[in-house]
Amino acid sequence: MKKQKNNLTKENNVIAATARVKSYEVLARAVEEGIQMGWNRAHKHTNTPDTDHVMESVYNEIMNSVCEVFNFDNAEQK
């Protein structure tokens, strides 16, 4: 048996490995992160932001977080 080289070859055979992304988990983390960031941003300059400001901040930060981990076609983006 030959010595393994970077765990990629063994006796002239290529060891193939696949990785699958847990897209639901990635999306859930991005949404949670966006909610927290949006809430913090809405409260950055005041302790009592109005509801519309909170909702807009949370929405924007969720979309920013999601767009960091997923790519969308330009036609699909608003």
C-alpha atoms as a PDB file:
ATOM      1  CA  MET A   1       0.000   0.000   0.000  1.00  0.00           C
ATOM      2  CA  LYS A   2       1.314   3.425  -0.934  1.00  0.00           C
ATOM      3  CA  LYS A   3       1.550   6.259   1.492  1.00  0.00           C
ATOM      4  CA  GLN A   4      -1.499   8.502   1.342  1.00  0.00           C
ATOM      5  CA  LYS A   5      -0.937  11.916  -0.155  1.00  0.00           C
ATOM      6  CA  ASN A   6      -3.234  14.554   1.330  1.00  0.00           C
ATOM      7  CA  ASN A   7      -5.908  11.866   1.831  1.00  0.00           C
ATOM      8  CA  LEU A   8      -6.809  12.162  -1.860  1.00  0.00           C
ATOM      9  CA  THR A   9      -5.099   9.134  -3.381  1.00  0.00           C
ATOM     10  CA  LYS A  10      -4.632   5.600  -2.226  1.00  0.00           C
ATOM     11  CA  GLU A  11      -3.016   2.967  -4.462  1.00  0.00           C
ATOM     12  CA  ASN A  12      -3.594   5.034  -7.622  1.00  0.00           C
ATOM     13  CA  ASN A  13      -7.315   5.286  -6.856  1.00  0.00           C
ATOM     14  CA  VAL A  14      -8.898   8.654  -6.263  1.00  0.00           C
ATOM     15  CA  ILE A  15     -10.959   8.882  -3.139  1.00  0.00           C
ATOM     16  CA  ALA A  16     -13.885  11.124  -3.918  1.00  0.00           C
ATOM     17  CA  ALA A  17     -15.806  12.845  -1.190  1.00  0.00           C
ATOM     18  CA  THR A  18     -18.908  14.907  -1.518  1.00  0.00           C
ATOM     19  CA  ALA A  19     -20.185  17.583   0.780  1.00  0.00           C
ATOM     20  CA  ARG A  20     -23.761  18.708   0.966  1.00  0.00           C
ATOM     21  CA  VAL A  21     -24.793  22.038   2.326  1.00  0.00           C
ATOM     22  CA  LYS A  22     -27.620  22.029   4.820  1.00  0.00           C
ATOM     23  CA  SER A  23     -29.358  24.893   3.036  1.00  0.00           C
ATOM     24  CA  TYR A  24     -32.236  25.098   5.521  1.00  0.00           C
ATOM     25  CA  GLU A  25     -29.769  25.455   8.393  1.00  0.00           C
ATOM     26  CA  VAL A  26     -27.741  28.072   6.511  1.00  0.00           C
ATOM     27  CA  LEU A  27     -30.920  30.011   5.696  1.00  0.00           C
ATOM     28  CA  ALA A  28     -32.191  29.784   9.278  1.00  0.00           C
ATOM     29  CA  ARG A  29     -28.895  31.123  10.642  1.00  0.00           C
ATOM     30  CA  ALA A  30     -28.915  33.987   8.137  1.00  0.00           C
ATOM     31  CA  VAL A  31     -32.486  34.915   9.111  1.00  0.00           C
ATOM     32  CA  GLU A  32     -31.689  34.761  12.833  1.00  0.00           C
ATOM     33  CA  GLU A  33     -28.589  36.874  12.306  1.00  0.00           C
ATOM     34  CA  GLY A  34     -30.572  39.370  10.229  1.00  0.00           C
ATOM     35  CA  ILE A  35     -33.284  39.685  12.857  1.00  0.00           C
ATOM     36  CA  GLN A  36     -30.737  40.407  15.579  1.00  0.00           C
ATOM     37  CA  MET A  37     -28.780  42.855  13.428  1.00  0.00           C
ATOM     38  CA  GLY A  38     -31.959  44.623  12.296  1.00  0.00           C
ATOM     39  CA  TRP A  39     -33.256  44.921  15.847  1.00  0.00           C
ATOM     40  CA  ASN A  40     -29.932  46.360  16.995  1.00  0.00           C
ATOM     41  CA  ARG A  41     -29.789  48.771  14.070  1.00  0.00           C
ATOM     42  CA  ALA A  42     -33.340  49.999  14.725  1.00  0.00           C
ATOM     43  CA  HIS A  43     -32.377  50.730  18.333  1.00  0.00           C
ATOM     44  CA  LYS A  44     -29.011  52.304  17.506  1.00  0.00           C
ATOM     45  CA  HIS A  45     -30.033  55.930  18.047  1.00  0.00           C
ATOM     46  CA  THR A  46     -33.178  55.546  20.137  1.00  0.00           C
ATOM     47  CA  ASN A  47     -34.588  53.195  22.748  1.00  0.00           C
ATOM     48  CA  THR A  48     -38.094  53.561  21.332  1.00  0.00           C
ATOM     49  CA  PRO A  49     -38.043  53.257  17.520  1.00  0.00           C
ATOM     50  CA  ASP A  50     -41.402  53.227  15.753  1.00  0.00           C
ATOM     51  CA  THR A  51     -42.752  49.945  14.424  1.00  0.00           C
ATOM     52  CA  ASP A  52     -42.152  50.825  10.770  1.00  0.00           C
ATOM     53  CA  HIS A  53     -38.494  51.605  11.438  1.00  0.00           C
ATOM     54  CA  VAL A  54     -38.005  48.300  13.284  1.00  0.00           C
ATOM     55  CA  MET A  55     -39.719  46.319  10.523  1.00  0.00           C
ATOM     56  CA  GLU A  56     -37.703  48.015   7.780  1.00  0.00           C
ATOM     57  CA  SER A  57     -34.412  47.517   9.617  1.00  0.00           C
ATOM     58  CA  VAL A  58     -35.125  43.856  10.347  1.00  0.00           C
ATOM     59  CA  TYR A  59     -36.231  43.193   6.745  1.00  0.00           C
ATOM     60  CA  ASN A  60     -33.139  44.883   5.276  1.00  0.00           C
ATOM     61  CA  GLU A  61     -30.733  43.028   7.551  1.00  0.00           C
ATOM     62  CA  ILE A  62     -32.403  39.658   6.915  1.00  0.00           C
ATOM     63  CA  MET A  63     -32.068  40.205   3.167  1.00  0.00           C
ATOM     64  CA  ASN A  64     -28.445  41.316   3.570  1.00  0.00           C
ATOM     65  CA  SER A  65     -27.626  38.201   5.604  1.00  0.00           C
ATOM     66  CA  VAL A  66     -29.400  35.872   3.179  1.00  0.00           C
ATOM     67  CA  CYS A  67     -27.685  37.471   0.170  1.00  0.00           C
ATOM     68  CA  GLU A  68     -24.308  36.858   1.818  1.00  0.00           C
ATOM     69  CA  VAL A  69     -24.816  33.078   1.666  1.00  0.00           C
ATOM     70  CA  PHE A  70     -27.108  32.625  -1.359  1.00  0.00           C
ATOM     71  CA  ASN A  71     -26.778  33.922  -4.917  1.00  0.00           C
ATOM     72  CA  PHE A  72     -29.866  35.068  -6.784  1.00  0.00           C
ATOM     73  CA  ASP A  73     -30.312  35.908 -10.442  1.00  0.00           C
ATOM     74  CA  ASN A  74     -30.628  39.660 -10.979  1.00  0.00           C
ATOM     75  CA  ALA A  75     -34.065  39.160 -12.533  1.00  0.00           C
ATOM     76  CA  GLU A  76     -35.315  37.653  -9.276  1.00  0.00           C
ATOM     77  CA  GLN A  77     -34.094  40.456  -7.020  1.00  0.00           C
ATOM     78  CA  LYS A  78     -36.272  43.429  -6.247  1.00  0.00           C
END
